[in-house]
Protein backbone atom coordinates (compact mmCIF):
# COMPACT_ATOMS: atom_id res chain seq x y z
CA MET A 1 0.00 0.00 0.00
CA ALA A 2 3.00 2.29 0.32
CA THR A 3 6.63 2.31 -0.70
CA SER A 4 7.60 3.69 2.67
CA LEU A 5 5.50 3.85 5.82
CA PRO A 6 6.07 6.40 8.58
CA ARG A 7 6.60 5.00 12.08
CA ASP A 8 2.87 5.11 12.82
CA GLY A 9 1.84 4.15 9.27
CA GLN A 10 1.10 0.50 9.95
CA HIS A 11 -0.90 1.43 13.04
CA ALA A 12 -2.95 3.97 11.06
CA LEU A 13 -3.56 1.47 8.28
CA ARG A 14 -4.69 -1.21 10.74
CA SER A 15 -7.11 1.29 12.25
CA ILE A 16 -8.59 2.10 8.84
CA VAL A 17 -8.84 -1.58 7.89
CA GLN A 18 -10.63 -2.35 11.18
CA LYS A 19 -13.31 0.21 10.31
CA THR A 20 -14.02 -1.54 7.00
CA GLY A 21 -15.14 -4.73 8.72
CA VAL A 22 -12.84 -6.91 6.64
CA ALA A 23 -9.74 -6.90 8.83
CA HIS A 24 -10.01 -10.67 9.22
CA LYS A 25 -9.36 -10.98 5.46
CA ILE A 26 -6.26 -8.77 5.34
CA ASN A 27 -2.72 -9.85 6.17
CA LEU A 28 -0.62 -6.70 6.50
CA ARG A 29 3.11 -7.23 6.05
CA GLU A 30 5.80 -4.66 6.44
CA GLY A 31 9.45 -4.87 5.49
CA PRO A 32 11.88 -4.41 2.64
CA VAL A 33 10.38 -5.59 -0.63
CA LYS A 34 13.38 -7.79 -1.38
CA TYR A 35 12.27 -10.13 1.43
CA HIS A 36 8.73 -10.66 0.16
CA GLY A 37 9.24 -12.79 -2.92
CA THR A 38 8.84 -11.49 -6.42
CA LEU A 39 5.48 -9.72 -6.30
CA ASP A 40 5.50 -6.11 -7.47
CA PHE A 41 1.76 -5.62 -7.58
CA VAL A 42 -1.10 -7.56 -6.06
CA PHE A 43 -4.70 -7.29 -7.17
CA VAL A 44 -7.48 -9.35 -5.64
CA ASP A 45 -9.87 -10.54 -8.34
CA ALA A 46 -13.09 -11.52 -6.62
CA ASP A 47 -16.35 -9.66 -7.27
CA LYS A 48 -16.09 -7.95 -10.67
CA ASP A 49 -19.76 -6.93 -10.76
CA ASN A 50 -19.29 -4.74 -7.70
CA TYR A 51 -15.83 -3.30 -8.29
CA GLU A 52 -15.47 0.42 -7.88
CA LEU A 53 -11.82 0.32 -8.92
CA ILE A 54 -9.90 -1.87 -11.34
CA ALA A 55 -6.14 -1.64 -11.85
CA TYR A 56 -4.30 -2.67 -15.00
CA ASP A 57 -0.54 -3.13 -14.81
CA ASN A 58 2.03 -2.64 -17.62
CA THR A 59 -0.09 -0.12 -19.55
CA LEU A 60 2.94 1.83 -20.79
CA TRP A 61 4.71 -1.39 -21.80
CA LYS A 62 8.39 -0.44 -21.59
CA ARG A 63 7.49 3.02 -22.94
CA SER A 64 6.72 1.42 -26.30
CA VAL A 65 3.16 2.76 -26.44
CA THR A 66 4.37 6.36 -26.17
CA GLY A 67 7.38 6.01 -28.45
CA PRO A 68 7.57 6.43 -32.22
CA PRO A 69 6.11 3.53 -34.25
CA ASP A 70 9.51 2.67 -35.73
CA ALA A 71 11.44 2.71 -32.44
CA PRO A 72 13.96 -0.16 -32.14
CA PHE A 73 12.37 -2.23 -29.39
CA GLU A 74 13.11 -5.87 -28.62
CA PRO A 75 10.86 -8.41 -30.43
CA THR A 76 8.97 -9.34 -27.24
CA ILE A 77 8.15 -5.71 -26.53
CA LYS A 78 6.99 -5.16 -30.11
CA LEU A 79 4.88 -8.32 -29.96
CA PHE A 80 2.73 -7.10 -27.07
CA LYS A 81 2.77 -3.38 -27.88
CA ASP A 82 -0.35 -3.58 -30.07
CA PHE A 83 -2.30 -5.48 -27.41
CA VAL A 84 -1.43 -2.87 -24.79
CA LEU A 85 -2.35 -0.04 -27.19
CA GLU A 86 -5.68 -1.72 -27.92
CA LEU A 87 -6.43 -2.06 -24.21
CA ASN A 88 -5.55 1.59 -23.58
CA LYS A 89 -7.74 2.75 -26.48
CA SER A 90 -10.70 0.69 -25.27
CA LEU A 91 -10.38 2.09 -21.76
CA VAL A 92 -10.33 5.69 -23.02
CA VAL A 93 -13.66 5.35 -24.83
CA ASP A 94 -15.48 3.21 -22.25
CA PRO A 95 -18.29 5.42 -20.86
CA ARG A 96 -18.60 3.29 -17.72
CA ILE A 97 -15.26 4.37 -16.27
CA LYS A 98 -12.94 7.28 -15.57
CA ILE A 99 -9.27 6.43 -15.93
CA CYS A 100 -5.99 7.60 -14.49
CA GLN A 101 -2.80 6.30 -16.07
CA LEU A 102 0.21 6.51 -13.78
CA PRO A 103 3.75 6.50 -15.20
CA VAL A 104 5.11 4.37 -12.38
CA GLY A 105 7.08 1.23 -13.10
CA ASP A 106 5.83 -0.03 -16.43
CA GLY A 107 2.60 1.95 -16.25
CA LEU A 108 -0.43 1.46 -14.04
CA THR A 109 -3.93 2.43 -15.11
CA LEU A 110 -6.65 2.85 -12.50
CA CYS A 111 -10.25 2.70 -13.69
CA ARG A 112 -13.03 3.99 -11.45
CA ARG A 113 -16.51 2.83 -12.32
CA ILE A 114 -18.99 5.69 -12.73
CA ILE A 115 -21.96 3.78 -14.18
């Protein structure tokens, strides 16, 4: 939930989680990322019909989607570039959501349902 928590950050987060009524479902872990395996992003996929927020990872795809069409990217990057562009284009025109694309890591797009 954060790249760096202040000293009271975990306590504040626990307090907020308690108020949600789902604290029994959340396992909060704190520590250097290098000790937590290889996960960079976790998204729980459970109740799609009731989501208020959906997150898509890798939506800038190694900066290939913002670069010139003839940029010299590796074959793997070129292979998936069109799929990522198609996803981004479909999100932009979807009237059910508002989007926010964040240039962090390899791109993260947050979609908030409005309909």
